[in-house]
Amino acid sequence: MTLAPETTDLKVRLRLADGWFTACDLGALLPGRGVAALLPDGRQVALFRDRSGALYAIDNRDPFTGAAVLSRGLTGTHRGRPFVASPLLKQRFDLASGQCLDDEAVRVATYEVKAA
């Protein structure tokens, strides 16, 4: 089955230190798949949308390898918490908090995100 592209003018926006930044069109986010976006300072963010429409934004850099790959990871839930698993070493990161579910000492940055 092919999903029809969403037709909306809504944009995905992230709160940065100096205000809201428009990252992409909401239609670019398909449930279960991530999208990478470049921030003004050169860092990358991984954006996700779940099946209920909730939006998440975390740092795209995998802290275990240094590679910018989290947007290409597999998504799922663990005990009701949405996560993305790194495509490299498979560590899971909570999409809401950035906490690594496999190593409590590690976390990635999260961003406030909205569709507007």
N, C-alpha and C. Protein backbone atom coordinates (compact mmCIF):
# COMPACT_ATOMS: atom_id res chain seq x y z
N MET A 1 0.83 -1.16 0.00
CA MET A 1 0.00 0.00 0.00
C MET A 1 0.89 1.24 0.00
N THR A 2 0.56 2.23 -0.79
CA THR A 2 1.29 3.48 -0.85
C THR A 2 0.50 4.56 -0.13
N LEU A 3 1.18 5.30 0.74
CA LEU A 3 0.53 6.38 1.44
C LEU A 3 0.56 7.63 0.57
N ALA A 4 -0.55 8.34 0.53
CA ALA A 4 -0.60 9.60 -0.22
C ALA A 4 0.15 10.66 0.56
N PRO A 5 0.90 11.51 -0.12
CA PRO A 5 1.60 12.58 0.59
C PRO A 5 0.59 13.50 1.27
N GLU A 6 0.95 13.92 2.47
CA GLU A 6 0.08 14.80 3.23
C GLU A 6 0.07 16.18 2.57
N THR A 7 -1.10 16.75 2.42
CA THR A 7 -1.21 18.08 1.83
C THR A 7 -1.56 19.07 2.93
N THR A 8 -0.57 19.81 3.37
CA THR A 8 -0.75 20.80 4.42
C THR A 8 0.32 21.86 4.27
N ASP A 9 0.02 23.02 4.80
CA ASP A 9 1.00 24.10 4.80
C ASP A 9 1.78 24.15 6.11
N LEU A 10 1.55 23.19 7.00
CA LEU A 10 2.21 23.19 8.30
C LEU A 10 3.70 22.91 8.16
N LYS A 11 4.47 23.58 8.97
CA LYS A 11 5.92 23.41 9.01
C LYS A 11 6.32 22.83 10.36
N VAL A 12 7.37 22.05 10.38
CA VAL A 12 7.93 21.54 11.63
C VAL A 12 8.93 22.58 12.11
N ARG A 13 8.72 23.04 13.35
CA ARG A 13 9.56 24.10 13.91
C ARG A 13 10.20 23.63 15.21
N LEU A 14 11.46 24.02 15.41
CA LEU A 14 12.23 23.66 16.60
C LEU A 14 12.54 24.91 17.39
N ARG A 15 12.49 24.79 18.72
CA ARG A 15 12.90 25.93 19.55
C ARG A 15 14.41 25.85 19.76
N LEU A 16 15.10 26.88 19.28
CA LEU A 16 16.54 27.02 19.50
C LEU A 16 16.75 28.17 20.48
N ALA A 17 17.98 28.42 20.87
CA ALA A 17 18.28 29.46 21.86
C ALA A 17 17.78 30.84 21.43
N ASP A 18 17.80 31.11 20.13
CA ASP A 18 17.41 32.44 19.65
C ASP A 18 16.01 32.48 19.03
N GLY A 19 15.19 31.47 19.27
CA GLY A 19 13.81 31.48 18.77
C GLY A 19 13.48 30.21 18.00
N TRP A 20 12.37 30.26 17.27
CA TRP A 20 11.88 29.10 16.53
C TRP A 20 12.54 29.02 15.16
N PHE A 21 12.92 27.82 14.77
CA PHE A 21 13.57 27.55 13.49
C PHE A 21 12.71 26.59 12.69
N THR A 22 12.41 26.92 11.44
CA THR A 22 11.63 26.04 10.58
C THR A 22 12.56 25.00 9.97
N ALA A 23 12.27 23.71 10.26
CA ALA A 23 13.15 22.63 9.83
C ALA A 23 12.70 21.99 8.52
N CYS A 24 11.37 21.77 8.35
CA CYS A 24 10.88 21.11 7.15
C CYS A 24 9.35 21.20 7.11
N ASP A 25 8.78 20.72 6.02
CA ASP A 25 7.33 20.59 5.92
C ASP A 25 6.88 19.41 6.75
N LEU A 26 5.72 19.52 7.39
CA LEU A 26 5.19 18.41 8.18
C LEU A 26 5.03 17.16 7.31
N GLY A 27 4.66 17.32 6.06
CA GLY A 27 4.47 16.19 5.15
C GLY A 27 5.74 15.39 4.89
N ALA A 28 6.91 15.94 5.21
CA ALA A 28 8.17 15.22 5.02
C ALA A 28 8.38 14.15 6.08
N LEU A 29 7.61 14.21 7.17
CA LEU A 29 7.77 13.24 8.26
C LEU A 29 6.72 12.15 8.16
N LEU A 30 7.16 10.96 7.85
CA LEU A 30 6.29 9.79 7.79
C LEU A 30 6.43 9.01 9.10
N PRO A 31 5.32 8.55 9.67
CA PRO A 31 5.42 7.78 10.91
C PRO A 31 6.39 6.61 10.78
N GLY A 32 7.27 6.49 11.78
CA GLY A 32 8.22 5.39 11.80
C GLY A 32 9.51 5.65 11.05
N ARG A 33 9.62 6.80 10.41
CA ARG A 33 10.85 7.14 9.66
C ARG A 33 11.37 8.49 10.11
N GLY A 34 12.67 8.61 10.19
CA GLY A 34 13.28 9.87 10.59
C GLY A 34 13.72 10.70 9.41
N VAL A 35 13.92 11.97 9.68
CA VAL A 35 14.44 12.92 8.69
C VAL A 35 15.52 13.74 9.38
N ALA A 36 16.63 13.96 8.72
CA ALA A 36 17.69 14.81 9.26
C ALA A 36 17.52 16.22 8.71
N ALA A 37 17.78 17.20 9.57
CA ALA A 37 17.73 18.61 9.16
C ALA A 37 18.98 19.30 9.68
N LEU A 38 19.48 20.23 8.90
CA LEU A 38 20.67 20.99 9.26
C LEU A 38 20.25 22.25 10.01
N LEU A 39 20.86 22.48 11.16
CA LEU A 39 20.57 23.66 11.96
C LEU A 39 21.48 24.81 11.53
N PRO A 40 21.11 26.05 11.86
CA PRO A 40 21.92 27.19 11.44
C PRO A 40 23.38 27.14 11.91
N ASP A 41 23.64 26.49 13.05
CA ASP A 41 25.01 26.43 13.57
C ASP A 41 25.82 25.26 12.99
N GLY A 42 25.23 24.50 12.06
CA GLY A 42 25.94 23.39 11.42
C GLY A 42 25.67 22.03 12.03
N ARG A 43 25.03 21.98 13.20
CA ARG A 43 24.68 20.69 13.79
C ARG A 43 23.49 20.11 13.02
N GLN A 44 23.24 18.81 13.25
CA GLN A 44 22.10 18.15 12.62
C GLN A 44 21.12 17.69 13.70
N VAL A 45 19.85 17.71 13.34
CA VAL A 45 18.80 17.22 14.22
C VAL A 45 18.06 16.10 13.50
N ALA A 46 17.62 15.10 14.27
CA ALA A 46 16.82 14.00 13.73
C ALA A 46 15.37 14.24 14.13
N LEU A 47 14.48 14.30 13.16
CA LEU A 47 13.06 14.57 13.40
C LEU A 47 12.25 13.31 13.19
N PHE A 48 11.26 13.09 14.05
CA PHE A 48 10.41 11.91 13.98
C PHE A 48 8.96 12.29 14.23
N ARG A 49 8.08 11.52 13.66
CA ARG A 49 6.63 11.66 13.88
C ARG A 49 6.09 10.26 14.13
N ASP A 50 5.35 10.09 15.23
CA ASP A 50 4.79 8.76 15.48
C ASP A 50 3.40 8.63 14.86
N ARG A 51 2.83 7.46 14.98
CA ARG A 51 1.54 7.19 14.34
C ARG A 51 0.40 8.03 14.91
N SER A 52 0.54 8.52 16.13
CA SER A 52 -0.49 9.38 16.71
C SER A 52 -0.30 10.84 16.31
N GLY A 53 0.80 11.14 15.61
CA GLY A 53 1.06 12.51 15.16
C GLY A 53 2.01 13.29 16.05
N ALA A 54 2.46 12.69 17.17
CA ALA A 54 3.41 13.38 18.05
C ALA A 54 4.74 13.58 17.34
N LEU A 55 5.36 14.73 17.58
CA LEU A 55 6.63 15.07 16.95
C LEU A 55 7.76 15.02 17.97
N TYR A 56 8.94 14.60 17.51
CA TYR A 56 10.12 14.52 18.35
C TYR A 56 11.32 15.04 17.58
N ALA A 57 12.26 15.65 18.31
CA ALA A 57 13.49 16.14 17.70
C ALA A 57 14.64 15.87 18.66
N ILE A 58 15.66 15.16 18.18
CA ILE A 58 16.85 14.86 18.97
C ILE A 58 18.08 15.15 18.11
N ASP A 59 19.23 15.23 18.79
CA ASP A 59 20.50 15.38 18.08
C ASP A 59 20.67 14.18 17.15
N ASN A 60 21.12 14.40 15.93
CA ASN A 60 21.28 13.32 14.96
C ASN A 60 22.56 12.52 15.16
N ARG A 61 23.48 13.05 15.99
CA ARG A 61 24.78 12.39 16.18
C ARG A 61 24.68 11.26 17.20
N ASP A 62 25.10 10.08 16.80
CA ASP A 62 25.16 8.92 17.70
C ASP A 62 26.36 9.14 18.63
N PRO A 63 26.13 9.26 19.94
CA PRO A 63 27.25 9.54 20.85
C PRO A 63 28.24 8.39 21.00
N PHE A 64 27.87 7.20 20.59
CA PHE A 64 28.76 6.05 20.70
C PHE A 64 29.75 5.97 19.54
N THR A 65 29.36 6.46 18.37
CA THR A 65 30.23 6.37 17.20
C THR A 65 30.63 7.74 16.65
N GLY A 66 29.88 8.78 16.98
CA GLY A 66 30.14 10.11 16.44
C GLY A 66 29.53 10.34 15.08
N ALA A 67 28.90 9.32 14.50
CA ALA A 67 28.30 9.44 13.17
C ALA A 67 26.91 10.08 13.26
N ALA A 68 26.57 10.88 12.28
CA ALA A 68 25.26 11.54 12.22
C ALA A 68 24.27 10.60 11.53
N VAL A 69 23.72 9.64 12.31
CA VAL A 69 22.90 8.58 11.72
C VAL A 69 21.58 8.30 12.43
N LEU A 70 21.29 8.95 13.54
CA LEU A 70 20.10 8.58 14.31
C LEU A 70 18.81 8.75 13.52
N SER A 71 18.79 9.68 12.58
CA SER A 71 17.58 9.87 11.76
C SER A 71 17.28 8.64 10.90
N ARG A 72 18.28 7.77 10.71
CA ARG A 72 18.09 6.55 9.90
C ARG A 72 17.84 5.30 10.75
N GLY A 73 17.67 5.52 12.06
CA GLY A 73 17.47 4.40 12.96
C GLY A 73 16.05 3.85 12.92
N LEU A 74 15.88 2.69 13.55
CA LEU A 74 14.58 2.04 13.65
C LEU A 74 13.84 2.59 14.87
N THR A 75 12.55 2.88 14.71
CA THR A 75 11.77 3.39 15.82
C THR A 75 10.92 2.29 16.43
N GLY A 76 10.56 2.50 17.68
CA GLY A 76 9.72 1.55 18.39
C GLY A 76 9.32 2.13 19.73
N THR A 77 8.79 1.28 20.60
CA THR A 77 8.46 1.69 21.96
C THR A 77 8.97 0.63 22.93
N HIS A 78 9.36 1.10 24.10
CA HIS A 78 9.80 0.22 25.19
C HIS A 78 9.13 0.73 26.45
N ARG A 79 8.25 -0.11 27.02
CA ARG A 79 7.49 0.28 28.22
C ARG A 79 6.76 1.60 28.02
N GLY A 80 6.19 1.75 26.83
CA GLY A 80 5.41 2.94 26.52
C GLY A 80 6.22 4.16 26.13
N ARG A 81 7.53 4.04 26.09
CA ARG A 81 8.41 5.16 25.74
C ARG A 81 8.86 5.02 24.29
N PRO A 82 8.61 6.06 23.46
CA PRO A 82 9.07 5.99 22.07
C PRO A 82 10.59 6.10 22.01
N PHE A 83 11.21 5.32 21.13
CA PHE A 83 12.66 5.37 21.00
C PHE A 83 13.07 5.22 19.55
N VAL A 84 14.34 5.57 19.30
CA VAL A 84 14.98 5.25 18.04
C VAL A 84 16.24 4.45 18.38
N ALA A 85 16.48 3.39 17.62
CA ALA A 85 17.69 2.58 17.79
C ALA A 85 18.70 2.98 16.73
N SER A 86 19.90 3.27 17.16
CA SER A 86 20.95 3.66 16.22
C SER A 86 21.14 2.56 15.18
N PRO A 87 21.29 2.92 13.91
CA PRO A 87 21.49 1.90 12.89
C PRO A 87 22.88 1.25 12.96
N LEU A 88 23.78 1.83 13.75
CA LEU A 88 25.13 1.28 13.82
C LEU A 88 25.28 0.24 14.93
N LEU A 89 25.22 0.67 16.18
CA LEU A 89 25.45 -0.25 17.30
C LEU A 89 24.16 -0.63 18.02
N LYS A 90 23.04 -0.10 17.57
CA LYS A 90 21.69 -0.47 18.05
C LYS A 90 21.31 0.06 19.43
N GLN A 91 22.08 0.98 20.03
CA GLN A 91 21.63 1.57 21.29
C GLN A 91 20.34 2.33 21.04
N ARG A 92 19.42 2.28 22.00
CA ARG A 92 18.12 2.92 21.87
C ARG A 92 18.10 4.24 22.65
N PHE A 93 17.51 5.27 22.03
CA PHE A 93 17.42 6.59 22.64
C PHE A 93 15.96 6.99 22.74
N ASP A 94 15.55 7.37 23.97
CA ASP A 94 14.18 7.83 24.21
C ASP A 94 13.97 9.12 23.41
N LEU A 95 12.94 9.15 22.58
CA LEU A 95 12.71 10.31 21.73
C LEU A 95 12.23 11.53 22.51
N ALA A 96 11.61 11.33 23.65
CA ALA A 96 11.12 12.46 24.44
C ALA A 96 12.20 13.08 25.32
N SER A 97 13.05 12.24 25.91
CA SER A 97 14.04 12.74 26.86
C SER A 97 15.48 12.73 26.34
N GLY A 98 15.76 11.93 25.30
CA GLY A 98 17.12 11.79 24.79
C GLY A 98 17.95 10.77 25.56
N GLN A 99 17.41 10.22 26.64
CA GLN A 99 18.13 9.26 27.47
C GLN A 99 18.38 7.97 26.70
N CYS A 100 19.61 7.45 26.79
CA CYS A 100 19.92 6.15 26.20
C CYS A 100 19.30 5.08 27.09
N LEU A 101 18.49 4.22 26.52
CA LEU A 101 17.82 3.17 27.28
C LEU A 101 18.76 2.01 27.61
N ASP A 102 19.93 2.00 26.99
CA ASP A 102 20.88 0.91 27.19
C ASP A 102 22.09 1.31 28.01
N ASP A 103 22.26 2.60 28.28
CA ASP A 103 23.38 3.10 29.08
C ASP A 103 22.94 4.41 29.73
N GLU A 104 22.59 4.36 31.01
CA GLU A 104 22.03 5.52 31.70
C GLU A 104 22.97 6.72 31.75
N ALA A 105 24.25 6.52 31.50
CA ALA A 105 25.21 7.61 31.55
C ALA A 105 25.22 8.44 30.27
N VAL A 106 24.48 8.00 29.25
CA VAL A 106 24.54 8.65 27.94
C VAL A 106 23.17 9.21 27.58
N ARG A 107 23.19 10.38 26.97
CA ARG A 107 21.96 11.03 26.52
C ARG A 107 22.29 11.89 25.32
N VAL A 108 21.30 12.11 24.45
CA VAL A 108 21.44 13.04 23.34
C VAL A 108 20.54 14.24 23.60
N ALA A 109 20.87 15.36 23.00
CA ALA A 109 20.08 16.57 23.17
C ALA A 109 18.70 16.39 22.54
N THR A 110 17.69 16.99 23.16
CA THR A 110 16.34 17.01 22.61
C THR A 110 15.95 18.46 22.35
N TYR A 111 14.97 18.64 21.51
CA TYR A 111 14.49 19.97 21.16
C TYR A 111 12.99 20.02 21.29
N GLU A 112 12.47 21.15 21.75
CA GLU A 112 11.04 21.36 21.72
C GLU A 112 10.64 21.50 20.25
N VAL A 113 9.59 20.82 19.85
CA VAL A 113 9.20 20.79 18.45
C VAL A 113 7.69 20.96 18.33
N LYS A 114 7.26 21.64 17.28
CA LYS A 114 5.82 21.81 17.03
C LYS A 114 5.57 21.94 15.55
N ALA A 115 4.32 21.73 15.18
CA ALA A 115 3.89 21.98 13.81
C ALA A 115 3.09 23.27 13.81
N ALA A 116 3.46 24.19 12.96
CA ALA A 116 2.78 25.49 12.93
C ALA A 116 2.68 25.99 11.51
